[in-house]
Protein backbone atom coordinates (compact mmCIF):
# COMPACT_ATOMS: atom_id res chain seq x y z
CA MET A 1 0.00 0.00 0.00
CA SER A 2 1.41 3.36 -1.00
CA THR A 3 0.26 6.65 0.45
CA GLN A 4 0.96 9.78 -1.48
CA ILE A 5 0.85 13.26 0.02
CA LEU A 6 -0.24 15.60 -2.73
CA MET A 7 0.34 18.88 -0.92
CA GLU A 8 3.42 20.13 0.91
CA PRO A 9 2.98 19.42 4.64
CA THR A 10 2.63 22.46 6.88
CA GLU A 11 5.24 23.38 9.50
CA GLY A 12 2.79 22.14 12.13
CA GLN A 13 2.55 18.76 10.42
CA PHE A 14 6.34 18.50 10.24
CA ASP A 15 6.52 19.40 13.95
CA LEU A 16 3.95 16.73 14.85
CA ALA A 17 5.86 14.14 12.80
CA VAL A 18 9.09 15.06 14.61
CA ASP A 19 7.33 14.77 17.97
CA THR A 20 6.01 11.33 16.98
CA PHE A 21 9.49 10.13 16.02
CA LYS A 22 10.89 11.50 19.30
CA LEU A 23 8.27 9.59 21.30
CA MET A 24 8.91 6.40 19.37
CA ALA A 25 12.70 6.77 19.78
CA ASP A 26 12.50 5.17 23.22
CA ASN A 27 13.21 1.43 23.41
CA THR A 28 10.51 0.71 26.00
CA ARG A 29 7.85 2.71 24.14
CA LEU A 30 8.69 0.98 20.87
CA ARG A 31 8.45 -2.40 22.58
CA ILE A 32 5.09 -1.41 24.13
CA VAL A 33 3.71 -0.44 20.73
CA TRP A 34 5.13 -3.64 19.23
CA ALA A 35 3.25 -5.66 21.87
CA LEU A 36 0.07 -3.71 21.12
CA LEU A 37 0.37 -4.65 17.44
CA HIS A 38 -0.69 -8.10 18.60
CA GLY A 39 -3.78 -6.93 20.46
CA GLU A 40 -5.11 -5.12 23.47
CA HIS A 41 -3.17 -5.36 26.77
CA SER A 42 -3.39 -4.08 30.33
CA VAL A 43 -0.49 -2.29 32.02
CA ASN A 44 0.35 -5.40 34.06
CA GLU A 45 0.29 -7.63 30.98
CA LEU A 46 2.64 -5.27 29.16
CA ALA A 47 4.95 -5.00 32.17
CA SER A 48 5.09 -8.77 32.51
CA HIS A 49 5.74 -9.24 28.80
CA LEU A 50 8.46 -6.57 28.68
CA LEU A 51 9.94 -7.46 32.09
CA VAL A 52 9.70 -3.87 33.32
CA ASN A 53 8.03 -2.12 36.24
CA PRO A 54 4.26 -1.50 35.78
CA ALA A 55 4.68 2.11 37.00
CA GLY A 56 7.21 2.74 34.23
CA VAL A 57 4.93 1.16 31.62
CA SER A 58 2.08 3.33 32.88
CA GLN A 59 4.20 6.49 32.47
CA HIS A 60 5.18 5.52 28.93
CA LEU A 61 1.55 4.75 28.06
CA ALA A 62 0.47 8.16 29.39
CA LYS A 63 2.91 9.85 27.00
CA LEU A 64 1.79 7.67 24.09
CA ARG A 65 -1.86 8.32 24.95
CA SER A 66 -1.37 12.10 25.11
CA ALA A 67 0.14 11.94 21.61
CA ARG A 68 -2.83 9.81 20.48
CA LEU A 69 -0.55 6.92 19.60
CA VAL A 70 -2.52 4.49 21.79
CA ASN A 71 -6.15 4.18 22.86
CA VAL A 72 -7.38 3.24 26.32
CA ARG A 73 -10.51 1.26 27.22
CA ARG A 74 -11.61 0.99 30.83
CA ASP A 75 -13.30 -2.07 32.28
CA GLY A 76 -14.01 -1.49 35.96
CA ASN A 77 -10.74 -0.48 37.56
CA LYS A 78 -8.59 -1.93 34.75
CA ALA A 79 -7.35 -0.07 31.69
CA PHE A 80 -6.67 -1.85 28.41
CA TYR A 81 -4.51 -0.28 25.72
CA SER A 82 -4.61 -0.74 21.97
CA LEU A 83 -3.44 0.99 18.82
CA PRO A 84 -5.82 3.59 17.35
CA SER A 85 -5.22 2.95 13.66
CA GLY A 86 -3.11 1.25 11.07
CA HIS A 87 -0.90 4.34 10.82
CA VAL A 88 0.94 3.65 14.06
CA GLN A 89 1.25 -0.02 13.13
CA GLN A 90 2.73 0.88 9.73
CA LEU A 91 5.18 3.33 11.29
CA VAL A 92 6.51 0.71 13.72
CA GLU A 93 6.53 -2.12 11.20
CA HIS A 94 8.42 -0.01 8.65
CA ALA A 95 10.98 1.14 11.22
CA LEU A 96 11.61 -2.41 12.41
CA PHE A 97 11.67 -3.74 8.85
CA HIS A 98 14.29 -1.13 8.02
CA ALA A 99 16.31 -2.06 11.11
CA ASP A 100 16.12 -5.72 10.11
CA HIS A 101 17.37 -4.99 6.61
CA VAL A 102 20.15 -2.54 7.30
CA ASP A 103 23.31 -3.76 5.65
CA ASP A 104 25.67 -5.50 8.11
CA ASN A 105 28.57 -3.50 6.66
CA TYR A 106 26.80 -0.30 7.65
CA LEU A 107 26.42 -1.52 11.22
CA GLU A 108 30.06 -2.55 11.33
CA GLN A 109 31.11 0.88 10.02
CA CYS A 110 29.02 2.60 12.70
CA ASP A 111 30.57 0.38 15.37
CA GLU A 112 34.10 1.10 14.10
CA THR A 113 33.41 4.85 14.01
CA SER A 114 32.09 4.85 17.58
CA HIS A 115 35.20 2.96 18.74
CA GLN A 116 37.44 5.48 16.96
CA VAL A 117 35.60 8.42 18.54
CA ARG A 118 35.87 6.85 22.01
CA GLY A 119 39.60 6.26 21.47
CA GLN A 120 40.16 9.97 20.70
CA ARG A 121 38.86 11.09 24.09
């Protein structure tokens, strides 16, 4: 599926896109969204799956929710989180697909460069 933007995005749209990438640039948040690709989960289910503290998961979910990257459904005193649309799913899947297909030589070059920079200090 290809989506084409026919008009130049506004500065506000660029800013929102940057904010989205910043939010998704956190390992725990990306793993939370990845888990939500497979269905709705509670905070405790996510924490158990990711092997992290439920309070930390809750804080990450609050940030994702405020950016409208996740939905919440309440059932009594429990909250269940899910993804709002296919857009978030596509964003995560494309990022992880790209990470999976990055050339090994590129990764080796990055590793060598970081070692060289550390050695100069």
